[in-house]
Amino acid sequence: MAQIDECRTCVFWRGLEGIDSSYGRCRRYPPTTVLQFSGGGDWIKISTKQGNPETFGAAWCGEFKKLET
């Protein structure tokens, strides 16, 4: 079985709770702005959030680069 290179061992990934974190942010690309819509009844709230994508440490992608230790 092939080994999968996980986010937690990638140079672009930063754990939210330190090096042993299971949740963090991918810093491969610049921060993005995400529109969020919520509402009910007669009102709609539109807000924006800017930041890097949040991922689980066990996730993976095609942009992996091994973290040098």
C-alpha atoms as a PDB file:
ATOM      1  CA  MET A   1       0.000   0.000   0.000  1.00  0.00           C
ATOM      2  CA  ALA A   2       1.365   3.438  -0.954  1.00  0.00           C
ATOM      3  CA  GLN A   3       2.043   6.006   1.734  1.00  0.00           C
ATOM      4  CA  ILE A   4      -0.085   9.156   1.567  1.00  0.00           C
ATOM      5  CA  ASP A   5       1.715  12.398   2.353  1.00  0.00           C
ATOM      6  CA  GLU A   6      -0.549  14.134   4.850  1.00  0.00           C
ATOM      7  CA  CYS A   7      -1.030  17.863   5.417  1.00  0.00           C
ATOM      8  CA  ARG A   8       0.540  17.675   8.899  1.00  0.00           C
ATOM      9  CA  THR A   9       3.941  16.823   7.327  1.00  0.00           C
ATOM     10  CA  CYS A  10       3.777  19.478   4.576  1.00  0.00           C
ATOM     11  CA  VAL A  11       5.885  22.647   4.573  1.00  0.00           C
ATOM     12  CA  PHE A  12       2.822  24.737   3.625  1.00  0.00           C
ATOM     13  CA  TRP A  13       0.638  23.588   6.556  1.00  0.00           C
ATOM     14  CA  ARG A  14       0.415  25.267   9.983  1.00  0.00           C
ATOM     15  CA  GLY A  15      -1.367  23.532  12.852  1.00  0.00           C
ATOM     16  CA  LEU A  16      -3.754  25.720  14.821  1.00  0.00           C
ATOM     17  CA  GLU A  17      -2.680  24.154  18.114  1.00  0.00           C
ATOM     18  CA  GLY A  18       1.052  23.746  17.463  1.00  0.00           C
ATOM     19  CA  ILE A  19       3.089  21.069  15.748  1.00  0.00           C
ATOM     20  CA  ASP A  20       0.962  18.136  16.975  1.00  0.00           C
ATOM     21  CA  SER A  21      -2.328  19.719  15.936  1.00  0.00           C
ATOM     22  CA  SER A  22      -4.903  17.662  14.045  1.00  0.00           C
ATOM     23  CA  TYR A  23      -6.440  20.813  12.502  1.00  0.00           C
ATOM     24  CA  GLY A  24      -4.697  23.686  10.720  1.00  0.00           C
ATOM     25  CA  ARG A  25      -4.399  26.003   7.727  1.00  0.00           C
ATOM     26  CA  CYS A  26      -2.881  25.415   4.311  1.00  0.00           C
ATOM     27  CA  ARG A  27      -0.630  28.323   3.288  1.00  0.00           C
ATOM     28  CA  ARG A  28       0.172  27.195  -0.266  1.00  0.00           C
ATOM     29  CA  TYR A  29      -1.798  30.014  -1.893  1.00  0.00           C
ATOM     30  CA  PRO A  30      -2.648  33.573  -0.740  1.00  0.00           C
ATOM     31  CA  PRO A  31      -5.633  34.071   1.569  1.00  0.00           C
ATOM     32  CA  THR A  32      -9.022  34.082  -0.114  1.00  0.00           C
ATOM     33  CA  THR A  33     -12.226  35.951   0.676  1.00  0.00           C
ATOM     34  CA  VAL A  34     -15.331  33.863   1.261  1.00  0.00           C
ATOM     35  CA  LEU A  35     -18.847  35.327   1.268  1.00  0.00           C
ATOM     36  CA  GLN A  36     -21.188  33.903   3.882  1.00  0.00           C
ATOM     37  CA  PHE A  37     -24.941  34.298   3.656  1.00  0.00           C
ATOM     38  CA  SER A  38     -27.348  33.702   6.505  1.00  0.00           C
ATOM     39  CA  GLY A  39     -30.829  34.835   7.231  1.00  0.00           C
ATOM     40  CA  GLY A  40     -34.330  34.046   8.153  1.00  0.00           C
ATOM     41  CA  GLY A  41     -37.696  35.609   7.643  1.00  0.00           C
ATOM     42  CA  ASP A  42     -37.334  39.072   6.118  1.00  0.00           C
ATOM     43  CA  TRP A  43     -33.586  39.615   6.562  1.00  0.00           C
ATOM     44  CA  ILE A  44     -30.324  38.415   5.014  1.00  0.00           C
ATOM     45  CA  LYS A  45     -26.884  38.903   6.537  1.00  0.00           C
ATOM     46  CA  ILE A  46     -23.853  38.967   4.242  1.00  0.00           C
ATOM     47  CA  SER A  47     -20.405  38.730   5.795  1.00  0.00           C
ATOM     48  CA  THR A  48     -16.917  38.063   4.523  1.00  0.00           C
ATOM     49  CA  LYS A  49     -14.119  36.003   5.970  1.00  0.00           C
ATOM     50  CA  GLN A  50     -10.557  36.194   4.715  1.00  0.00           C
ATOM     51  CA  GLY A  51      -7.991  33.516   5.385  1.00  0.00           C
ATOM     52  CA  ASN A  52      -6.253  30.353   4.327  1.00  0.00           C
ATOM     53  CA  PRO A  53      -8.235  27.119   3.919  1.00  0.00           C
ATOM     54  CA  GLU A  54      -8.621  25.109   7.129  1.00  0.00           C
ATOM     55  CA  THR A  55      -7.926  21.383   6.847  1.00  0.00           C
ATOM     56  CA  PHE A  56      -7.458  18.295   8.978  1.00  0.00           C
ATOM     57  CA  GLY A  57      -3.870  17.167   9.479  1.00  0.00           C
ATOM     58  CA  ALA A  58      -4.665  13.791   7.912  1.00  0.00           C
ATOM     59  CA  ALA A  59      -5.950  15.393   4.681  1.00  0.00           C
ATOM     60  CA  TRP A  60      -3.842  15.502   1.522  1.00  0.00           C
ATOM     61  CA  CYS A  61      -3.619  17.250  -1.849  1.00  0.00           C
ATOM     62  CA  GLY A  62      -1.521  17.363  -5.043  1.00  0.00           C
ATOM     63  CA  GLU A  63       0.619  20.288  -3.841  1.00  0.00           C
ATOM     64  CA  PHE A  64       2.429  18.418  -1.042  1.00  0.00           C
ATOM     65  CA  LYS A  65       6.046  19.364  -0.261  1.00  0.00           C
ATOM     66  CA  LYS A  66       7.813  17.476   2.537  1.00  0.00           C
ATOM     67  CA  LEU A  67       8.564  19.485   5.685  1.00  0.00           C
ATOM     68  CA  GLU A  68      12.324  19.335   6.360  1.00  0.00           C
ATOM     69  CA  THR A  69      13.014  18.406   9.977  1.00  0.00           C
END
